[in-house]
Protein backbone atom coordinates (compact mmCIF):
# COMPACT_ATOMS: atom_id res chain seq x y z
CA MET A 1 -34.07 -11.99 19.71
CA SER A 2 -34.45 -9.69 16.74
CA GLY A 3 -32.87 -6.28 17.01
CA SER A 4 -34.60 -3.16 15.88
CA ALA A 5 -33.34 0.12 14.59
CA THR A 6 -35.19 3.23 13.58
CA PHE A 7 -34.32 6.38 11.73
CA PHE A 8 -35.85 9.70 10.90
CA LEU A 9 -34.81 12.56 8.71
CA ASP A 10 -34.24 15.83 10.58
CA GLY A 11 -33.48 18.39 7.88
CA ASP A 12 -30.34 17.08 6.18
CA ARG A 13 -29.50 14.81 9.15
CA LEU A 14 -30.40 11.12 9.25
CA ARG A 15 -30.82 10.20 12.92
CA VAL A 16 -30.39 6.49 13.58
CA SER A 17 -31.20 4.79 16.87
CA GLY A 18 -31.39 1.32 18.32
CA ASP A 19 -29.62 -1.89 17.42
CA LEU A 20 -27.67 -1.42 14.17
CA SER A 21 -26.78 -5.08 13.67
CA LEU A 22 -27.29 -8.12 11.47
CA ASP A 23 -30.78 -8.58 12.94
CA SER A 24 -31.93 -5.11 11.93
CA VAL A 25 -30.04 -3.91 8.86
CA ALA A 26 -32.15 -5.62 6.18
CA ASP A 27 -35.30 -3.90 7.41
CA LEU A 28 -33.50 -0.60 7.97
CA TRP A 29 -31.96 -0.78 4.49
CA ALA A 30 -35.35 -1.42 2.88
CA ARG A 31 -36.92 1.51 4.74
CA SER A 32 -34.02 3.95 4.17
CA ARG A 33 -33.18 3.29 0.52
CA ALA A 34 -35.54 5.88 -0.91
CA LEU A 35 -33.74 8.62 1.06
CA PHE A 36 -30.62 7.95 -0.99
CA GLU A 37 -32.23 7.11 -4.33
CA THR A 38 -34.59 10.06 -4.74
CA GLY A 39 -34.15 13.76 -4.10
CA THR A 40 -31.17 15.06 -2.19
CA PRO A 41 -29.64 12.52 0.21
CA PRO A 42 -28.98 13.49 3.82
CA ARG A 43 -25.61 15.14 4.46
CA LEU A 44 -25.08 13.72 7.95
CA VAL A 45 -25.71 10.37 9.64
CA ASP A 46 -26.09 10.78 13.40
CA VAL A 47 -25.50 7.46 15.18
CA SER A 48 -25.27 8.88 18.70
CA ALA A 49 -28.48 7.00 19.67
CA VAL A 50 -27.29 3.64 18.32
CA THR A 51 -27.19 1.25 21.28
CA ARG A 52 -25.24 -1.52 19.55
CA ALA A 53 -23.52 -1.92 16.19
CA ASP A 54 -21.76 -4.79 14.49
CA SER A 55 -20.05 -5.24 11.14
CA ALA A 56 -23.41 -5.56 9.35
CA GLY A 57 -24.44 -2.20 10.76
CA ILE A 58 -21.17 -0.64 9.61
CA ALA A 59 -21.71 -2.18 6.15
CA LEU A 60 -25.10 -0.45 5.96
CA VAL A 61 -23.51 2.89 6.82
CA VAL A 62 -20.84 2.30 4.16
CA GLU A 63 -23.59 1.62 1.62
CA TRP A 64 -25.35 4.87 2.60
CA PHE A 65 -22.08 6.74 2.03
CA ALA A 66 -21.64 5.12 -1.39
CA MET A 67 -25.19 5.94 -2.44
CA ALA A 68 -24.85 9.55 -1.28
CA ARG A 69 -21.58 9.93 -3.21
CA ALA A 70 -23.22 8.48 -6.32
CA ARG A 71 -25.74 11.33 -6.08
CA GLY A 72 -23.01 13.95 -5.57
CA THR A 73 -23.42 14.36 -1.81
CA ASP A 74 -20.56 14.14 0.68
CA LEU A 75 -21.98 12.38 3.72
CA ARG A 76 -20.52 12.67 7.22
CA ILE A 77 -21.07 10.58 10.33
CA GLU A 78 -21.23 11.78 13.91
CA GLY A 79 -21.88 10.31 17.32
CA VAL A 80 -19.78 7.20 16.73
CA SER A 81 -19.44 5.15 19.92
CA PRO A 82 -16.02 3.79 20.92
CA THR A 83 -17.09 0.25 19.94
CA MET A 84 -18.44 1.34 16.58
CA GLY A 85 -15.27 3.38 16.02
CA ASP A 86 -13.15 0.31 16.80
CA ILE A 87 -14.97 -1.73 14.13
CA ILE A 88 -14.54 1.09 11.61
CA ARG A 89 -10.82 1.37 12.36
CA LEU A 90 -10.26 -2.42 12.31
CA ALA A 91 -11.85 -2.51 8.86
CA ASP A 92 -9.74 0.53 7.86
CA LEU A 93 -12.84 2.51 6.85
CA GLN A 94 -12.13 5.82 8.59
CA GLU A 95 -11.06 7.54 5.35
CA LEU A 96 -14.24 6.38 3.65
CA LEU A 97 -16.53 7.37 6.54
CA SER A 98 -15.96 11.10 6.98
CA GLY A 99 -16.22 12.08 10.61
CA VAL A 100 -14.42 9.07 12.16
CA SER A 101 -10.96 9.84 13.49
CA ASP A 102 -7.95 7.55 13.17
CA SER A 103 -7.50 7.32 16.93
């Protein structure tokens, strides 16, 4: 079964919802790229409505952070679930992903 994820821009906040996983990140990446390549990127990624995330989903978020930094924007993440936080900590990405605590 293919997962699906959606996003919308709410001011300077990128709100992501659904299944942020291998099944959905290619489509989500294709649809979100322009947000980070043109104009001013979002300043916050809100993942509080993400129902499931895996390492591919985390990789997409990392790429968003890198693209925002390349355009001079410090991105933050909020609404990280315990499972998503565990993946981020296991990959030692909490320093890179502003807004994720070490614990």
